C-alpha cells in the first residue's frame, strides 16, 4: 500500500494498531490483538490466540479452530481482517520477534542495547539465530513491506512495522524494578516453595494486575479477554498469555505513535520500548484528516 492510498482509506482521523506475539516456530500459535483510537481514546477491538482465530473474527462464515494452532503468517490477510474490524487502515504493526533489514545470523546491536539497558532488571533479550526465528521473521518483514509497512528503526512514519519486547515494556508500564513474573511455563521457577495450585493462583493474580495496568491505557481489555480460572489447563493458559502479550505489543505501538517510545539499536534493527511513564512527554498523535 502506498502512502497516498493509506491516507485515502483513513476515516474521520481514526488510527489503529496491530500487536503480534509471534511464535518463533510454526508448531506454536501466535497471539494477535487490534486497538483502535476512538473519540473516547484507545480501545481494544479484538484479541485472538492464533492467526486463524483473528481472521475468523472478521469472517462470519469462518469455521472455528478447536484450539490455537501454529502456522505461517499471511500478513495481507491479517491486515485485511484488521482493517475490517477497525473500520480504519492500520497505522503500525508491532511484533514481538527479532526483525531486521539484514539477514539475522546471531545477536544484533538492538539485542545488546536492550540487554545493557534492562539486563540488570532481568529483561535481557533472547539470542536469535539463523534458524530461529529464521524464515518466520523474514516472512513477516517481507510480507509487511509488500503491504507498505517498512521496518522502522529510528522514527515512526505510518504505515510502519516495528519490533517490540513485552518484558521491558511491562517494566515501564508497572514502574517495576524488574521483569514481572507472568510466564505460565516458569511458575515453578518463580515460586518454588509452594504447591501447583498456589502457583497458578499467583500467576492469575499477576495476569489480572497486568490487565488492570493495561486498562489505564486501552479500554476494553478485561472485556475482550476470555475469563481464566484456576482449573484452566496448559492450552488455555498459553492462549491467555499470548493474547496478553499481543495487547502489550499494541500498547507499545500506541506509545511509538505518540512519541513515547525509544528505539534501541541501529539503522538495521531496533527494539521499541516505551519511555518511563514518569518521564514521558505530553506528545500527542497528529493524524491526517
Protein backbone atom coordinates (compact mmCIF):
# COMPACT_ATOMS: atom_id res chain seq x y z
CA UNK A 1 0.00 0.00 0.00
CA UNK A 2 1.37 3.40 -1.00
CA UNK A 3 1.32 6.35 1.42
CA UNK A 4 -1.44 8.16 -0.52
CA UNK A 5 -3.59 5.01 -0.61
CA UNK A 6 -3.19 4.56 3.13
CA UNK A 7 -4.16 8.18 3.80
CA UNK A 8 -7.16 7.94 1.47
CA UNK A 9 -8.51 4.98 3.45
CA UNK A 10 -8.49 6.88 6.73
CA UNK A 11 -11.96 7.62 8.08
CA UNK A 12 -12.51 10.57 10.39
CA UNK A 13 -8.88 10.73 11.53
CA UNK A 14 -9.08 7.37 13.31
CA UNK A 15 -6.00 5.27 13.99
CA UNK A 16 -5.44 1.58 14.56
CA UNK A 17 -2.57 -0.70 15.56
CA UNK A 18 -1.99 -4.44 15.46
CA UNK A 19 0.16 -6.26 18.02
CA UNK A 20 1.52 -9.74 17.37
CA UNK A 21 3.14 -12.05 19.91
CA UNK A 22 4.81 -14.07 17.16
CA UNK A 23 5.89 -17.64 17.82
CA UNK A 24 9.45 -18.46 16.74
CA UNK A 25 8.36 -21.84 15.35
CA UNK A 26 5.45 -23.00 13.19
CA UNK A 27 4.36 -25.53 15.79
CA UNK A 28 3.20 -22.85 18.24
CA UNK A 29 0.34 -20.34 17.82
CA UNK A 30 0.82 -16.58 17.80
CA UNK A 31 -1.35 -14.15 19.76
CA UNK A 32 -2.69 -11.11 17.90
CA UNK A 33 -4.60 -8.02 19.05
CA UNK A 34 -6.08 -4.90 17.49
CA UNK A 35 -6.57 -1.49 19.15
CA UNK A 36 -8.40 1.49 17.68
CA UNK A 37 -8.27 5.18 18.56
CA UNK A 38 -11.83 6.48 19.08
CA UNK A 39 -13.25 9.75 20.36
CA UNK A 40 -13.02 8.26 23.87
CA UNK A 41 -9.40 7.16 23.50
CA UNK A 42 -7.72 3.88 22.59
CA UNK A 43 -9.98 0.84 22.68
CA UNK A 44 -9.18 -2.85 22.28
CA UNK A 45 -11.21 -4.06 19.33
CA UNK A 46 -10.02 -7.67 19.05
CA UNK A 47 -7.75 -10.26 20.66
CA UNK A 48 -7.12 -13.80 19.45
CA UNK A 49 -4.84 -16.67 20.41
CA UNK A 50 -3.84 -17.53 16.81
CA UNK A 51 -3.71 -16.04 13.34
CA UNK A 52 -6.61 -18.20 12.21
CA UNK A 53 -8.79 -17.12 15.12
CA UNK A 54 -8.07 -13.48 14.36
CA UNK A 55 -9.05 -13.97 10.72
CA UNK A 56 -12.23 -15.70 11.87
CA UNK A 57 -13.27 -12.64 13.88
CA UNK A 58 -13.61 -10.73 10.61
CA UNK A 59 -15.30 -13.57 8.71
CA UNK A 60 -18.77 -14.61 9.81
CA UNK A 61 -18.52 -17.74 7.68
CA UNK A 62 -15.23 -18.94 9.17
CA UNK A 63 -15.03 -22.40 10.67
CA UNK A 64 -13.97 -22.32 14.33
CA UNK A 65 -10.49 -23.53 15.23
CA UNK A 66 -10.81 -26.13 18.05
CA UNK A 67 -7.57 -24.99 19.67
CA UNK A 68 -4.98 -22.34 18.80
CA UNK A 69 -2.64 -23.72 16.14
CA UNK A 70 0.66 -22.58 14.71
CA UNK A 71 1.00 -21.67 11.04
CA UNK A 72 2.93 -19.42 8.67
CA UNK A 73 1.50 -15.89 8.86
CA UNK A 74 -0.30 -14.23 5.96
CA UNK A 75 0.21 -10.51 6.56
CA UNK A 76 -2.08 -9.40 3.75
CA UNK A 77 -4.97 -11.43 5.16
CA UNK A 78 -4.25 -10.23 8.70
CA UNK A 79 -4.23 -6.59 7.58
CA UNK A 80 -7.45 -7.05 5.62
CA UNK A 81 -9.10 -8.55 8.69
CA UNK A 82 -7.70 -5.79 10.88
CA UNK A 83 -9.00 -3.05 8.59
CA UNK A 84 -12.44 -4.66 8.54
CA UNK A 85 -12.58 -4.96 12.34
CA UNK A 86 -11.20 -1.45 12.90
CA UNK A 87 -13.12 0.24 10.06
CA UNK A 88 -9.82 2.06 9.54
CA UNK A 89 -6.41 1.49 7.98
CA UNK A 90 -3.73 0.03 10.26
CA UNK A 91 -1.06 2.56 11.23
CA UNK A 92 1.51 0.36 12.96
CA UNK A 93 2.17 -3.37 13.20
CA UNK A 94 4.14 -4.17 16.37
CA UNK A 95 5.69 -7.65 16.51
CA UNK A 96 7.40 -9.39 19.40
CA UNK A 97 10.02 -11.15 17.27
CA UNK A 98 13.51 -10.27 16.03
CA UNK A 99 13.19 -8.28 12.80
CA UNK A 100 15.98 -6.82 10.70
CA UNK A 101 16.68 -5.19 7.36
CA UNK A 102 19.61 -7.64 7.02
CA UNK A 103 19.68 -11.44 7.48
CA UNK A 104 19.68 -12.39 11.17
CA UNK A 105 22.65 -14.63 11.90
CA UNK A 106 23.00 -14.04 15.66
CA UNK A 107 22.73 -11.30 18.26
CA UNK A 108 22.18 -7.83 16.87
CA UNK A 109 23.05 -4.32 18.05
CA UNK A 110 19.43 -4.00 19.18
CA UNK A 111 19.64 -7.12 21.35
CA UNK A 112 22.79 -5.85 23.03
CA UNK A 113 21.36 -2.35 23.53
CA UNK A 114 18.24 -3.65 25.29
CA UNK A 115 20.27 -6.08 27.37
CA UNK A 116 22.56 -3.27 28.52
CA UNK A 117 19.59 -1.12 29.47
CA UNK A 118 17.40 -3.82 31.05
CA UNK A 119 19.66 -6.77 31.83
CA UNK A 120 20.03 -5.61 35.43
CA UNK A 121 16.25 -5.75 35.67
CA UNK A 122 16.13 -9.37 34.41
CA UNK A 123 14.94 -8.42 30.91
CA UNK A 124 17.82 -9.22 28.59
CA UNK A 125 16.78 -10.32 25.13
CA UNK A 126 16.83 -13.89 23.84
CA UNK A 127 19.54 -14.57 21.26
CA UNK A 128 18.17 -15.10 17.73
CA UNK A 129 19.91 -17.31 15.20
CA UNK A 130 19.75 -18.08 11.52
CA UNK A 131 17.33 -20.93 12.30
CA UNK A 132 15.17 -19.27 15.00
CA UNK A 133 13.12 -17.33 14.15
CA UNK A 134 14.65 -17.69 10.68
CA UNK A 135 12.13 -17.92 7.85
CA UNK A 136 9.24 -16.76 10.06
CA UNK A 137 10.90 -13.42 10.79
CA UNK A 138 11.90 -12.94 7.16
CA UNK A 139 8.39 -13.80 6.00
CA UNK A 140 6.71 -11.36 8.38
CA UNK A 141 9.01 -8.49 7.41
CA UNK A 142 8.86 -9.19 3.66
CA UNK A 143 5.08 -9.55 3.65
CA UNK A 144 4.66 -6.37 5.71
CA UNK A 145 6.93 -4.42 3.34
CA UNK A 146 4.91 -5.62 0.36
CA UNK A 147 1.84 -4.14 2.03
CA UNK A 148 3.63 -0.82 2.54
CA UNK A 149 4.83 -1.32 6.13
CA UNK A 150 8.58 -0.73 6.19
CA UNK A 151 10.57 -1.71 9.27
CA UNK A 152 11.06 1.46 11.37
CA UNK A 153 14.34 1.65 13.27
CA UNK A 154 14.71 5.36 14.09
CA UNK A 155 11.39 7.17 13.72
CA UNK A 156 7.75 6.35 13.09
CA UNK A 157 6.02 7.38 9.87
CA UNK A 158 2.83 5.35 9.42
CA UNK A 159 2.22 2.92 7.94
CA UNK A 160 5.11 1.21 9.74
CA UNK A 161 6.35 -2.09 11.16
CA UNK A 162 8.22 -2.16 14.48
CA UNK A 163 9.87 -4.77 16.69
CA UNK A 164 8.85 -4.75 20.35
CA UNK A 165 9.64 -6.72 23.51
CA UNK A 166 6.93 -7.09 26.19
CA UNK A 167 9.20 -7.68 29.21
CA UNK A 168 10.80 -4.22 29.38
CA UNK A 169 7.53 -2.66 28.20
CA UNK A 170 5.75 -4.13 31.21
CA UNK A 171 8.55 -2.96 33.49
CA UNK A 172 7.83 0.60 32.35
CA UNK A 173 4.04 0.17 32.49
CA UNK A 174 4.21 -1.22 36.03
CA UNK A 175 7.04 1.09 37.12
CA UNK A 176 8.70 -2.11 38.32
CA UNK A 177 12.30 -2.66 39.37
CA UNK A 178 12.45 -5.90 37.35
CA UNK A 179 10.55 -8.12 34.91
CA UNK A 180 7.12 -9.29 36.02
CA UNK A 181 6.61 -13.00 36.84
CA UNK A 182 3.80 -13.74 34.37
CA UNK A 183 5.03 -16.58 32.13
CA UNK A 184 2.99 -19.76 32.72
CA UNK A 185 5.85 -22.13 31.90
CA UNK A 186 8.07 -20.55 34.55
CA UNK A 187 5.80 -20.60 37.59
CA UNK A 188 7.82 -23.35 39.28
CA UNK A 189 10.93 -21.17 38.95
CA UNK A 190 9.09 -18.07 40.18
CA UNK A 191 7.60 -19.73 43.27
CA UNK A 192 9.50 -22.96 44.05
CA UNK A 193 8.42 -23.31 47.68
CA UNK A 194 4.63 -23.53 47.17
CA UNK A 195 2.34 -26.10 45.56
CA UNK A 196 0.95 -26.11 42.00
CA UNK A 197 -2.45 -24.67 42.91
CA UNK A 198 -0.85 -21.80 44.82
CA UNK A 199 1.49 -21.08 41.91
CA UNK A 200 -1.43 -20.86 39.49
CA UNK A 201 -3.25 -18.56 41.90
CA UNK A 202 -0.23 -16.25 41.96
CA UNK A 203 0.05 -16.37 38.16
CA UNK A 204 -3.61 -15.46 37.65
CA UNK A 205 -3.28 -12.64 40.17
CA UNK A 206 -0.29 -11.31 38.23
CA UNK A 207 -2.24 -11.51 34.98
CA UNK A 208 -5.16 -9.59 36.48
CA UNK A 209 -2.73 -6.95 37.74
CA UNK A 210 -1.34 -6.59 34.20
CA UNK A 211 -4.87 -6.32 32.81
CA UNK A 212 -5.59 -3.54 35.31
CA UNK A 213 -2.45 -1.71 34.17
CA UNK A 214 -3.34 -2.07 30.50
CA UNK A 215 -6.88 -0.81 31.18
CA UNK A 216 -5.42 2.57 32.08
CA UNK A 217 -4.00 2.83 28.55
CA UNK A 218 -6.51 0.88 26.43
CA UNK A 219 -10.18 0.46 27.32
CA UNK A 220 -11.98 -2.86 26.89
CA UNK A 221 -9.04 -5.10 27.77
CA UNK A 222 -10.82 -7.02 30.52
CA UNK A 223 -13.98 -7.45 28.45
CA UNK A 224 -12.13 -8.69 25.39
CA UNK A 225 -10.03 -11.35 27.13
CA UNK A 226 -11.67 -14.68 27.98
CA UNK A 227 -12.31 -15.50 31.64
CA UNK A 228 -9.48 -17.55 33.12
CA UNK A 229 -9.89 -19.84 36.12
CA UNK A 230 -7.60 -21.78 38.42
CA UNK A 231 -8.71 -25.04 36.78
CA UNK A 232 -7.56 -23.88 33.34
CA UNK A 233 -5.28 -26.30 31.51
CA UNK A 234 -1.98 -25.63 29.76
CA UNK A 235 -3.60 -24.79 26.40
CA UNK A 236 -5.94 -22.22 27.96
CA UNK A 237 -3.14 -20.68 29.98
CA UNK A 238 -0.89 -20.38 26.91
CA UNK A 239 -3.71 -18.85 24.86
CA UNK A 240 -4.44 -16.22 27.52
CA UNK A 241 -0.75 -15.37 27.91
CA UNK A 242 -0.27 -15.00 24.15
CA UNK A 243 -3.24 -12.63 23.89
CA UNK A 244 -1.98 -10.63 26.86
CA UNK A 245 1.44 -10.23 25.21
CA UNK A 246 -0.23 -9.19 21.94
CA UNK A 247 -2.12 -6.45 23.78
CA UNK A 248 1.16 -5.26 25.32
CA UNK A 249 2.54 -5.11 21.76
CA UNK A 250 -0.43 -2.90 20.83
CA UNK A 251 0.36 -0.61 23.74
CA UNK A 252 3.97 -0.22 22.61
CA UNK A 253 2.73 0.62 19.10
CA UNK A 254 0.49 3.30 20.61
CA UNK A 255 3.41 4.70 22.59
CA UNK A 256 5.55 4.79 19.44
CA UNK A 257 2.82 6.69 17.59
CA UNK A 258 2.50 9.12 20.49
CA UNK A 259 6.25 9.77 20.66
CA UNK A 260 6.53 7.90 23.98
CA UNK A 261 8.83 5.07 22.91
CA UNK A 262 12.56 4.74 22.26
CA UNK A 263 14.16 2.58 19.54
CA UNK A 264 17.11 0.60 20.93
CA UNK A 265 19.50 -0.49 18.16
CA UNK A 266 20.80 0.87 14.88
CA UNK A 267 19.60 1.54 11.35
CA UNK A 268 19.35 -2.20 10.65
CA UNK A 269 17.23 -3.29 13.60
CA UNK A 270 15.66 -1.62 16.62
CA UNK A 271 13.51 -2.75 19.53
CA UNK A 272 10.97 -0.12 20.58
CA UNK A 273 10.37 0.28 24.32
CA UNK A 274 8.06 2.83 25.99
CA UNK A 275 9.73 5.62 27.90
CA UNK A 276 9.32 5.54 31.69
CA UNK A 277 5.81 6.82 32.38
CA UNK A 278 7.06 9.45 34.81
CA UNK A 279 9.41 10.78 32.12
CA UNK A 280 7.04 10.53 29.18
CA UNK A 281 6.35 13.66 27.21
CA UNK A 282 2.94 15.11 26.53
CA UNK A 283 3.34 14.47 22.81
CA UNK A 284 0.08 13.64 21.02
CA UNK A 285 -0.61 11.75 17.83
CA UNK A 286 -1.42 14.02 14.89
CA UNK A 287 -3.26 12.21 12.11
CA UNK A 288 -4.18 13.27 8.58
CA UNK A 289 -7.81 14.39 8.34
